[in-house]
Amino acid sequence: MPRNETEIKPLDSNQIRAQMILAGVTGAEIARRVEKKTGRPCPRENVSRVINRTEGFWFPEIIRELARAIKVEESQIGRAPSEPQRKRARTLARKSKVEPARAA
């Protein structure tokens, strides 16, 4: 049976980080949203560390949901990321692509 091409694939961690960094989101903003959702304290650190800790202790779907919400809200604000943030986002996006040799 052919696979449905319109099927939405879940974002992997690196894609989520890249999205959030490009949107100019801070780790503190993610931490605040996670605390609001879970009712548990979340450390205020950089984006990657907050996502790492959150994925370890709470539910990854919360982070995916936040990524979608933040992407929309931040794009409306139009805060531009710095060049190091752009570079880091590009690196993460590249890492998230699986090479055909590895996938087989």
PDB file of N, CA and C in Angstrom:
ATOM      1  N   MET A   1       0.843  -1.189   0.000  1.00  0.00           N
ATOM      2  CA  MET A   1       0.000   0.000   0.000  1.00  0.00           C
ATOM      3  C   MET A   1       0.885   1.249   0.000  1.00  0.00           C
ATOM      4  N   PRO A   2       0.665   2.172  -0.939  1.00  0.00           N
ATOM      5  CA  PRO A   2       1.528   3.360  -0.992  1.00  0.00           C
ATOM      6  C   PRO A   2       1.336   4.255   0.235  1.00  0.00           C
ATOM      7  N   ARG A   3       2.424   4.840   0.636  1.00  0.00           N
ATOM      8  CA  ARG A   3       2.381   5.710   1.807  1.00  0.00           C
ATOM      9  C   ARG A   3       1.749   7.053   1.436  1.00  0.00           C
ATOM     10  N   ASN A   4       0.953   7.562   2.331  1.00  0.00           N
ATOM     11  CA  ASN A   4       0.282   8.833   2.094  1.00  0.00           C
ATOM     12  C   ASN A   4       1.310   9.967   2.138  1.00  0.00           C
ATOM     13  N   GLU A   5       1.502  10.648   1.031  1.00  0.00           N
ATOM     14  CA  GLU A   5       2.510  11.699   0.944  1.00  0.00           C
ATOM     15  C   GLU A   5       2.145  12.937   1.765  1.00  0.00           C
ATOM     16  N   THR A   6       0.861  13.124   2.031  1.00  0.00           N
ATOM     17  CA  THR A   6       0.448  14.308   2.785  1.00  0.00           C
ATOM     18  C   THR A   6       0.494  14.068   4.289  1.00  0.00           C
ATOM     19  N   GLU A   7       0.925  12.883   4.695  1.00  0.00           N
ATOM     20  CA  GLU A   7       0.997  12.553   6.123  1.00  0.00           C
ATOM     21  C   GLU A   7       1.962  13.517   6.826  1.00  0.00           C
ATOM     22  N   ILE A   8       1.543  14.038   7.952  1.00  0.00           N
ATOM     23  CA  ILE A   8       2.382  14.984   8.685  1.00  0.00           C
ATOM     24  C   ILE A   8       3.348  14.205   9.566  1.00  0.00           C
ATOM     25  N   LYS A   9       4.633  14.439   9.327  1.00  0.00           N
ATOM     26  CA  LYS A   9       5.646  13.749  10.122  1.00  0.00           C
ATOM     27  C   LYS A   9       5.908  14.574  11.385  1.00  0.00           C
ATOM     28  N   PRO A  10       6.114  13.908  12.520  1.00  0.00           N
ATOM     29  CA  PRO A  10       6.441  14.678  13.720  1.00  0.00           C
ATOM     30  C   PRO A  10       7.818  15.323  13.567  1.00  0.00           C
ATOM     31  N   LEU A  11       7.960  16.500  14.087  1.00  0.00           N
ATOM     32  CA  LEU A  11       9.241  17.196  14.005  1.00  0.00           C
ATOM     33  C   LEU A  11      10.249  16.513  14.915  1.00  0.00           C
ATOM     34  N   ASP A  12      11.493  16.440  14.476  1.00  0.00           N
ATOM     35  CA  ASP A  12      12.497  15.914  15.392  1.00  0.00           C
ATOM     36  C   ASP A  12      13.082  17.074  16.191  1.00  0.00           C
ATOM     37  N   SER A  13      13.849  16.731  17.189  1.00  0.00           N
ATOM     38  CA  SER A  13      14.390  17.718  18.115  1.00  0.00           C
ATOM     39  C   SER A  13      15.184  18.818  17.421  1.00  0.00           C
ATOM     40  N   ASN A  14      16.031  18.432  16.471  1.00  0.00           N
ATOM     41  CA  ASN A  14      16.860  19.429  15.795  1.00  0.00           C
ATOM     42  C   ASN A  14      16.032  20.393  14.963  1.00  0.00           C
ATOM     43  N   GLN A  15      14.978  19.889  14.324  1.00  0.00           N
ATOM     44  CA  GLN A  15      14.109  20.778  13.544  1.00  0.00           C
ATOM     45  C   GLN A  15      13.398  21.771  14.463  1.00  0.00           C
ATOM     46  N   ILE A  16      12.965  21.285  15.610  1.00  0.00           N
ATOM     47  CA  ILE A  16      12.282  22.154  16.563  1.00  0.00           C
ATOM     48  C   ILE A  16      13.227  23.250  17.048  1.00  0.00           C
ATOM     49  N   ARG A  17      14.433  22.867  17.419  1.00  0.00           N
ATOM     50  CA  ARG A  17      15.418  23.864  17.869  1.00  0.00           C
ATOM     51  C   ARG A  17      15.678  24.887  16.784  1.00  0.00           C
ATOM     52  N   ALA A  18      15.868  24.418  15.553  1.00  0.00           N
ATOM     53  CA  ALA A  18      16.149  25.329  14.438  1.00  0.00           C
ATOM     54  C   ALA A  18      15.001  26.315  14.257  1.00  0.00           C
ATOM     55  N   GLN A  19      13.774  25.823  14.303  1.00  0.00           N
ATOM     56  CA  GLN A  19      12.602  26.698  14.165  1.00  0.00           C
ATOM     57  C   GLN A  19      12.592  27.766  15.247  1.00  0.00           C
ATOM     58  N   MET A  20      12.792  27.318  16.485  1.00  0.00           N
ATOM     59  CA  MET A  20      12.692  28.250  17.605  1.00  0.00           C
ATOM     60  C   MET A  20      13.815  29.283  17.578  1.00  0.00           C
ATOM     61  N   ILE A  21      15.025  28.835  17.242  1.00  0.00           N
ATOM     62  CA  ILE A  21      16.155  29.765  17.192  1.00  0.00           C
ATOM     63  C   ILE A  21      15.924  30.789  16.086  1.00  0.00           C
ATOM     64  N   LEU A  22      15.474  30.333  14.926  1.00  0.00           N
ATOM     65  CA  LEU A  22      15.208  31.263  13.820  1.00  0.00           C
ATOM     66  C   LEU A  22      14.085  32.233  14.158  1.00  0.00           C
ATOM     67  N   ALA A  23      13.141  31.775  14.959  1.00  0.00           N
ATOM     68  CA  ALA A  23      12.038  32.653  15.354  1.00  0.00           C
ATOM     69  C   ALA A  23      12.494  33.665  16.405  1.00  0.00           C
ATOM     70  N   GLY A  24      13.705  33.487  16.935  1.00  0.00           N
ATOM     71  CA  GLY A  24      14.225  34.412  17.932  1.00  0.00           C
ATOM     72  C   GLY A  24      13.678  34.147  19.320  1.00  0.00           C
ATOM     73  N   VAL A  25      13.251  32.929  19.572  1.00  0.00           N
ATOM     74  CA  VAL A  25      12.674  32.578  20.868  1.00  0.00           C
ATOM     75  C   VAL A  25      13.798  32.361  21.872  1.00  0.00           C
ATOM     76  N   THR A  26      13.575  32.773  23.119  1.00  0.00           N
ATOM     77  CA  THR A  26      14.576  32.550  24.159  1.00  0.00           C
ATOM     78  C   THR A  26      14.233  31.305  24.958  1.00  0.00           C
ATOM     79  N   GLY A  27      15.248  30.751  25.612  1.00  0.00           N
ATOM     80  CA  GLY A  27      15.027  29.585  26.463  1.00  0.00           C
ATOM     81  C   GLY A  27      14.072  29.907  27.592  1.00  0.00           C
ATOM     82  N   ALA A  28      14.154  31.129  28.108  1.00  0.00           N
ATOM     83  CA  ALA A  28      13.286  31.541  29.214  1.00  0.00           C
ATOM     84  C   ALA A  28      11.817  31.541  28.788  1.00  0.00           C
ATOM     85  N   GLU A  29      11.563  31.944  27.560  1.00  0.00           N
ATOM     86  CA  GLU A  29      10.186  31.961  27.047  1.00  0.00           C
ATOM     87  C   GLU A  29       9.636  30.547  26.966  1.00  0.00           C
ATOM     88  N   ILE A  30      10.459  29.618  26.468  1.00  0.00           N
ATOM     89  CA  ILE A  30      10.024  28.216  26.388  1.00  0.00           C
ATOM     90  C   ILE A  30       9.778  27.686  27.792  1.00  0.00           C
ATOM     91  N   ALA A  31      10.702  27.990  28.714  1.00  0.00           N
ATOM     92  CA  ALA A  31      10.580  27.511  30.097  1.00  0.00           C
ATOM     93  C   ALA A  31       9.281  28.010  30.726  1.00  0.00           C
ATOM     94  N   ARG A  32       8.959  29.283  30.516  1.00  0.00           N
ATOM     95  CA  ARG A  32       7.715  29.840  31.067  1.00  0.00           C
ATOM     96  C   ARG A  32       6.494  29.093  30.528  1.00  0.00           C
ATOM     97  N   ARG A  33       6.501  28.829  29.221  1.00  0.00           N
ATOM     98  CA  ARG A  33       5.370  28.131  28.609  1.00  0.00           C
ATOM     99  C   ARG A  33       5.256  26.700  29.120  1.00  0.00           C
ATOM    100  N   VAL A  34       6.405  26.030  29.300  1.00  0.00           N
ATOM    101  CA  VAL A  34       6.394  24.652  29.807  1.00  0.00           C
ATOM    102  C   VAL A  34       5.855  24.634  31.233  1.00  0.00           C
ATOM    103  N   GLU A  35       6.288  25.597  32.049  1.00  0.00           N
ATOM    104  CA  GLU A  35       5.801  25.688  33.435  1.00  0.00           C
ATOM    105  C   GLU A  35       4.294  25.899  33.458  1.00  0.00           C
ATOM    106  N   LYS A  36       3.818  26.762  32.590  1.00  0.00           N
ATOM    107  CA  LYS A  36       2.391  27.052  32.524  1.00  0.00           C
ATOM    108  C   LYS A  36       1.605  25.789  32.144  1.00  0.00           C
ATOM    109  N   LYS A  37       2.142  25.027  31.175  1.00  0.00           N
ATOM    110  CA  LYS A  37       1.483  23.803  30.709  1.00  0.00           C
ATOM    111  C   LYS A  37       1.516  22.688  31.741  1.00  0.00           C
ATOM    112  N   THR A  38       2.692  22.490  32.376  1.00  0.00           N
ATOM    113  CA  THR A  38       2.884  21.322  33.239  1.00  0.00           C
ATOM    114  C   THR A  38       2.663  21.610  34.711  1.00  0.00           C
ATOM    115  N   GLY A  39       2.821  22.874  35.103  1.00  0.00           N
ATOM    116  CA  GLY A  39       2.719  23.212  36.521  1.00  0.00           C
ATOM    117  C   GLY A  39       3.987  22.884  37.288  1.00  0.00           C
ATOM    118  N   ARG A  40       5.031  22.461  36.573  1.00  0.00           N
ATOM    119  CA  ARG A  40       6.314  22.135  37.202  1.00  0.00           C
ATOM    120  C   ARG A  40       7.348  23.189  36.853  1.00  0.00           C
ATOM    121  N   PRO A  41       8.338  23.399  37.727  1.00  0.00           N
ATOM    122  CA  PRO A  41       9.384  24.375  37.394  1.00  0.00           C
ATOM    123  C   PRO A  41      10.267  23.873  36.255  1.00  0.00           C
ATOM    124  N   CYS A  42      10.734  24.786  35.433  1.00  0.00           N
ATOM    125  CA  CYS A  42      11.605  24.444  34.314  1.00  0.00           C
ATOM    126  C   CYS A  42      12.782  25.431  34.336  1.00  0.00           C
ATOM    127  N   PRO A  43      14.024  24.951  34.191  1.00  0.00           N
ATOM    128  CA  PRO A  43      15.190  25.843  34.263  1.00  0.00           C
ATOM    129  C   PRO A  43      15.200  26.855  33.119  1.00  0.00           C
ATOM    130  N   ARG A  44      15.640  28.072  33.419  1.00  0.00           N
ATOM    131  CA  ARG A  44      15.771  29.095  32.380  1.00  0.00           C
ATOM    132  C   ARG A  44      17.186  29.028  31.832  1.00  0.00           C
ATOM    133  N   GLU A  45      17.329  28.377  30.694  1.00  0.00           N
ATOM    134  CA  GLU A  45      18.630  28.257  30.049  1.00  0.00           C
ATOM    135  C   GLU A  45      18.461  28.548  28.570  1.00  0.00           C
ATOM    136  N   ASN A  46      19.476  28.169  27.774  1.00  0.00           N
ATOM    137  CA  ASN A  46      19.324  28.408  26.335  1.00  0.00           C
ATOM    138  C   ASN A  46      18.329  27.420  25.731  1.00  0.00           C
ATOM    139  N   VAL A  47      17.920  27.686  24.493  1.00  0.00           N
ATOM    140  CA  VAL A  47      16.861  26.914  23.840  1.00  0.00           C
ATOM    141  C   VAL A  47      17.155  25.419  23.852  1.00  0.00           C
ATOM    142  N   SER A  48      18.357  25.035  23.439  1.00  0.00           N
ATOM    143  CA  SER A  48      18.683  23.609  23.346  1.00  0.00           C
ATOM    144  C   SER A  48      18.630  22.916  24.693  1.00  0.00           C
ATOM    145  N   ARG A  49      19.170  23.550  25.710  1.00  0.00           N
ATOM    146  CA  ARG A  49      19.170  22.921  27.036  1.00  0.00           C
ATOM    147  C   ARG A  49      17.764  22.779  27.597  1.00  0.00           C
ATOM    148  N   VAL A  50      16.950  23.794  27.412  1.00  0.00           N
ATOM    149  CA  VAL A  50      15.564  23.716  27.903  1.00  0.00           C
ATOM    150  C   VAL A  50      14.833  22.577  27.198  1.00  0.00           C
ATOM    151  N   ILE A  51      15.019  22.467  25.884  1.00  0.00           N
ATOM    152  CA  ILE A  51      14.358  21.399  25.137  1.00  0.00           C
ATOM    153  C   ILE A  51      14.880  20.040  25.594  1.00  0.00           C
ATOM    154  N   ASN A  52      16.194  19.912  25.773  1.00  0.00           N
ATOM    155  CA  ASN A  52      16.763  18.643  26.243  1.00  0.00           C
ATOM    156  C   ASN A  52      16.148  18.229  27.569  1.00  0.00           C
ATOM    157  N   ARG A  53      16.145  19.143  28.516  1.00  0.00           N
ATOM    158  CA  ARG A  53      15.631  18.818  29.844  1.00  0.00           C
ATOM    159  C   ARG A  53      14.134  18.536  29.807  1.00  0.00           C
ATOM    160  N   THR A  54      13.414  19.308  29.023  1.00  0.00           N
ATOM    161  CA  THR A  54      11.971  19.129  28.940  1.00  0.00           C
ATOM    162  C   THR A  54      11.632  17.790  28.314  1.00  0.00           C
ATOM    163  N   GLU A  55      12.362  17.417  27.247  1.00  0.00           N
ATOM    164  CA  GLU A  55      12.097  16.125  26.607  1.00  0.00           C
ATOM    165  C   GLU A  55      12.417  14.980  27.558  1.00  0.00           C
ATOM    166  N   GLY A  56      13.401  15.193  28.428  1.00  0.00           N
ATOM    167  CA  GLY A  56      13.760  14.146  29.377  1.00  0.00           C
ATOM    168  C   GLY A  56      12.747  13.980  30.498  1.00  0.00           C
ATOM    169  N   PHE A  57      12.212  15.094  30.994  1.00  0.00           N
ATOM    170  CA  PHE A  57      11.360  15.038  32.181  1.00  0.00           C
ATOM    171  C   PHE A  57       9.873  15.103  31.893  1.00  0.00           C
ATOM    172  N   TRP A  58       9.501  15.814  30.822  1.00  0.00           N
ATOM    173  CA  TRP A  58       8.096  15.969  30.517  1.00  0.00           C
ATOM    174  C   TRP A  58       7.796  15.357  29.168  1.00  0.00           C
ATOM    175  N   PHE A  59       6.754  15.785  28.540  1.00  0.00           N
ATOM    176  CA  PHE A  59       6.317  15.148  27.309  1.00  0.00           C
ATOM    177  C   PHE A  59       6.825  15.887  26.079  1.00  0.00           C
ATOM    178  N   PRO A  60       7.470  15.168  25.160  1.00  0.00           N
ATOM    179  CA  PRO A  60       7.959  15.811  23.936  1.00  0.00           C
ATOM    180  C   PRO A  60       6.844  16.507  23.143  1.00  0.00           C
ATOM    181  N   GLU A  61       5.608  15.988  23.249  1.00  0.00           N
ATOM    182  CA  GLU A  61       4.525  16.628  22.479  1.00  0.00           C
ATOM    183  C   GLU A  61       4.253  18.059  22.964  1.00  0.00           C
ATOM    184  N   ILE A  62       4.560  18.338  24.247  1.00  0.00           N
ATOM    185  CA  ILE A  62       4.395  19.713  24.743  1.00  0.00           C
ATOM    186  C   ILE A  62       5.346  20.630  23.981  1.00  0.00           C
ATOM    187  N   ILE A  63       6.581  20.177  23.805  1.00  0.00           N
ATOM    188  CA  ILE A  63       7.567  20.978  23.078  1.00  0.00           C
ATOM    189  C   ILE A  63       7.136  21.153  21.621  1.00  0.00           C
ATOM    190  N   ARG A  64       6.625  20.100  21.005  1.00  0.00           N
ATOM    191  CA  ARG A  64       6.177  20.207  19.607  1.00  0.00           C
ATOM    192  C   ARG A  64       5.029  21.203  19.484  1.00  0.00           C
ATOM    193  N   GLU A  65       4.119  21.140  20.453  1.00  0.00           N
ATOM    194  CA  GLU A  65       2.989  22.066  20.460  1.00  0.00           C
ATOM    195  C   GLU A  65       3.486  23.497  20.637  1.00  0.00           C
ATOM    196  N   LEU A  66       4.437  23.686  21.545  1.00  0.00           N
ATOM    197  CA  LEU A  66       4.998  25.023  21.768  1.00  0.00           C
ATOM    198  C   LEU A  66       5.709  25.522  20.513  1.00  0.00           C
ATOM    199  N   ALA A  67       6.416  24.620  19.836  1.00  0.00           N
ATOM    200  CA  ALA A  67       7.144  25.015  18.624  1.00  0.00           C
ATOM    201  C   ALA A  67       6.177  25.583  17.592  1.00  0.00           C
ATOM    202  N   ARG A  68       5.045  24.916  17.438  1.00  0.00           N
ATOM    203  CA  ARG A  68       4.047  25.397  16.465  1.00  0.00           C
ATOM    204  C   ARG A  68       3.468  26.744  16.908  1.00  0.00           C
ATOM    205  N   ALA A  69       3.138  26.840  18.196  1.00  0.00           N
ATOM    206  CA  ALA A  69       2.540  28.085  18.704  1.00  0.00           C
ATOM    207  C   ALA A  69       3.536  29.238  18.617  1.00  0.00           C
ATOM    208  N   ILE A  70       4.765  28.978  19.048  1.00  0.00           N
ATOM    209  CA  ILE A  70       5.778  30.033  19.072  1.00  0.00           C
ATOM    210  C   ILE A  70       6.111  30.478  17.660  1.00  0.00           C
ATOM    211  N   LYS A  71       6.199  29.559  16.732  1.00  0.00           N
ATOM    212  CA  LYS A  71       6.550  29.898  15.351  1.00  0.00           C
ATOM    213  C   LYS A  71       5.556  30.915  14.783  1.00  0.00           C
ATOM    214  N   VAL A  72       4.287  30.693  15.041  1.00  0.00           N
ATOM    215  CA  VAL A  72       3.256  31.607  14.538  1.00  0.00           C
ATOM    216  C   VAL A  72       3.362  32.955  15.249  1.00  0.00           C
ATOM    217  N   GLU A  73       3.411  32.925  16.590  1.00  0.00           N
ATOM    218  CA  GLU A  73       3.433  34.174  17.346  1.00  0.00           C
ATOM    219  C   GLU A  73       4.679  34.997  17.061  1.00  0.00           C
ATOM    220  N   GLU A  74       5.847  34.344  17.035  1.00  0.00           N
ATOM    221  CA  GLU A  74       7.088  35.074  16.830  1.00  0.00           C
ATOM    222  C   GLU A  74       7.191  35.629  15.417  1.00  0.00           C
ATOM    223  N   SER A  75       6.637  34.922  14.437  1.00  0.00           N
ATOM    224  CA  SER A  75       6.707  35.425  13.073  1.00  0.00           C
ATOM    225  C   SER A  75       5.892  36.714  12.951  1.00  0.00           C
ATOM    226  N   GLN A  76       4.866  36.841  13.767  1.00  0.00           N
ATOM    227  CA  GLN A  76       4.064  38.063  13.748  1.00  0.00           C
ATOM    228  C   GLN A  76       4.820  39.220  14.398  1.00  0.00           C
ATOM    229  N   ILE A  77       5.599  38.891  15.425  1.00  0.00           N
ATOM    230  CA  ILE A  77       6.375  39.926  16.108  1.00  0.00           C
ATOM    231  C   ILE A  77       7.495  40.419  15.195  1.00  0.00           C
ATOM    232  N   GLY A  78       8.117  39.470  14.452  1.00  0.00           N
ATOM    233  CA  GLY A  78       9.147  39.850  13.491  1.00  0.00           C
ATOM    234  C   GLY A  78      10.489  40.173  14.113  1.00  0.00           C
ATOM    235  N   ARG A  79      10.799  39.547  15.244  1.00  0.00           N
ATOM    236  CA  ARG A  79      12.098  39.775  15.874  1.00  0.00           C
ATOM    237  C   ARG A  79      13.150  38.987  15.090  1.00  0.00           C
ATOM    238  N   ALA A  80      14.182  39.661  14.608  1.00  0.00           N
ATOM    239  CA  ALA A  80      15.174  38.996  13.760  1.00  0.00           C
ATOM    240  C   ALA A  80      16.254  38.317  14.607  1.00  0.00           C
ATOM    241  N   PRO A  81      16.603  37.066  14.275  1.00  0.00           N
ATOM    242  CA  PRO A  81      17.666  36.375  15.010  1.00  0.00           C
ATOM    243  C   PRO A  81      19.039  36.913  14.614  1.00  0.00           C
ATOM    244  N   SER A  82      19.994  36.807  15.513  1.00  0.00           N
ATOM    245  CA  SER A  82      21.351  37.257  15.213  1.00  0.00           C
ATOM    246  C   SER A  82      22.016  36.258  14.268  1.00  0.00           C
ATOM    247  N   GLU A  83      23.148  36.646  13.692  1.00  0.00           N
ATOM    248  CA  GLU A  83      23.846  35.756  12.752  1.00  0.00           C
ATOM    249  C   GLU A  83      24.280  34.438  13.404  1.00  0.00           C
ATOM    250  N   PRO A  84      24.829  34.445  14.650  1.00  0.00           N
ATOM    251  CA  PRO A  84      25.166  33.151  15.272  1.00  0.00           C
ATOM    252  C   PRO A  84      23.937  32.260  15.457  1.00  0.00           C
ATOM    253  N   GLN A  85      22.791  32.853  15.754  1.00  0.00           N
ATOM    254  CA  GLN A  85      21.561  32.073  15.906  1.00  0.00           C
ATOM    255  C   GLN A  85      21.159  31.455  14.570  1.00  0.00           C
ATOM    256  N   ARG A  86      21.284  32.232  13.495  1.00  0.00           N
ATOM    257  CA  ARG A  86      20.953  31.708  12.167  1.00  0.00           C
ATOM    258  C   ARG A  86      21.871  30.543  11.812  1.00  0.00           C
ATOM    259  N   LYS A  87      23.164  30.725  12.103  1.00  0.00           N
ATOM    260  CA  LYS A  87      24.156  29.695  11.787  1.00  0.00           C
ATOM    261  C   LYS A  87      23.838  28.413  12.560  1.00  0.00           C
ATOM    262  N   ARG A  88      23.524  28.550  13.841  1.00  0.00           N
ATOM    263  CA  ARG A  88      23.194  27.390  14.677  1.00  0.00           C
ATOM    264  C   ARG A  88      21.927  26.699  14.152  1.00  0.00           C
ATOM    265  N   ALA A  89      20.948  27.474  13.756  1.00  0.00           N
ATOM    266  CA  ALA A  89      19.700  26.909  13.236  1.00  0.00           C
ATOM    267  C   ALA A  89      19.956  26.134  11.948  1.00  0.00           C
ATOM    268  N   ARG A  90      20.823  26.685  11.080  1.00  0.00           N
ATOM    269  CA  ARG A  90      21.145  25.981   9.830  1.00  0.00           C
ATOM    270  C   ARG A  90      21.847  24.658  10.133  1.00  0.00           C
ATOM    271  N   THR A  91      22.767  24.675  11.093  1.00  0.00           N
ATOM    272  CA  THR A  91      23.483  23.455  11.477  1.00  0.00           C
ATOM    273  C   THR A  91      22.511  22.411  11.993  1.00  0.00           C
ATOM    274  N   LEU A  92      21.604  22.822  12.869  1.00  0.00           N
ATOM    275  CA  LEU A  92      20.624  21.886  13.426  1.00  0.00           C
ATOM    276  C   LEU A  92      19.705  21.336  12.349  1.00  0.00           C
ATOM    277  N   ALA A  93      19.315  22.179  11.424  1.00  0.00           N
ATOM    278  CA  ALA A  93      18.430  21.732  10.346  1.00  0.00           C
ATOM    279  C   ALA A  93      19.139  20.708   9.468  1.00  0.00           C
ATOM    280  N   ARG A  94      20.415  20.945   9.235  1.00  0.00           N
ATOM    281  CA  ARG A  94      21.201  20.004   8.428  1.00  0.00           C
ATOM    282  C   ARG A  94      21.337  18.658   9.141  1.00  0.00           C
ATOM    283  N   LYS A  95      21.579  18.697  10.459  1.00  0.00           N
ATOM    284  CA  LYS A  95      21.735  17.478  11.250  1.00  0.00           C
ATOM    285  C   LYS A  95      20.465  16.638  11.261  1.00  0.00           C
ATOM    286  N   SER A  96      19.325  17.283  11.165  1.00  0.00           N
ATOM    287  CA  SER A  96      18.063  16.567  11.301  1.00  0.00           C
ATOM    288  C   SER A  96      17.709  15.757  10.053  1.00  0.00           C
ATOM    289  N   LYS A  97      18.373  16.032   8.930  1.00  0.00           N
ATOM    290  CA  LYS A  97      18.080  15.283   7.704  1.00  0.00           C
ATOM    291  C   LYS A  97      18.817  13.948   7.740  1.00  0.00           C
ATOM    292  N   VAL A  98      18.091  12.872   7.560  1.00  0.00           N
ATOM    293  CA  VAL A  98      18.687  11.539   7.581  1.00  0.00           C
ATOM    294  C   VAL A  98      19.249  11.221   6.202  1.00  0.00           C
ATOM    295  N   GLU A  99      20.497  10.787   6.165  1.00  0.00           N
ATOM    296  CA  GLU A  99      21.112  10.413   4.893  1.00  0.00           C
ATOM    297  C   GLU A  99      20.549   9.069   4.430  1.00  0.00           C
ATOM    298  N   PRO A 100      20.396   8.869   3.114  1.00  0.00           N
ATOM    299  CA  PRO A 100      19.824   7.620   2.608  1.00  0.00           C
ATOM    300  C   PRO A 100      20.570   6.365   3.082  1.00  0.00           C
ATOM    301  N   ALA A 101      21.888   6.439   3.192  1.00  0.00           N
ATOM    302  CA  ALA A 101      22.671   5.274   3.620  1.00  0.00           C
ATOM    303  C   ALA A 101      22.325   4.874   5.050  1.00  0.00           C
ATOM    304  N   ARG A 102      22.097   5.854   5.893  1.00  0.00           N
ATOM    305  CA  ARG A 102      21.762   5.573   7.296  1.00  0.00           C
ATOM    306  C   ARG A 102      20.334   5.063   7.439  1.00  0.00           C
ATOM    307  N   ALA A 103      19.460   5.534   6.570  1.00  0.00           N
ATOM    308  CA  ALA A 103      18.047   5.167   6.684  1.00  0.00           C
ATOM    309  C   ALA A 103      17.815   3.704   6.285  1.00  0.00           C
ATOM    310  N   ALA A 104      18.659   3.188   5.418  1.00  0.00           N
ATOM    311  CA  ALA A 104      18.467   1.816   4.918  1.00  0.00           C
ATOM    312  C   ALA A 104      18.795   0.754   5.943  1.00  0.00           C
TER     313      ALA A 104
END
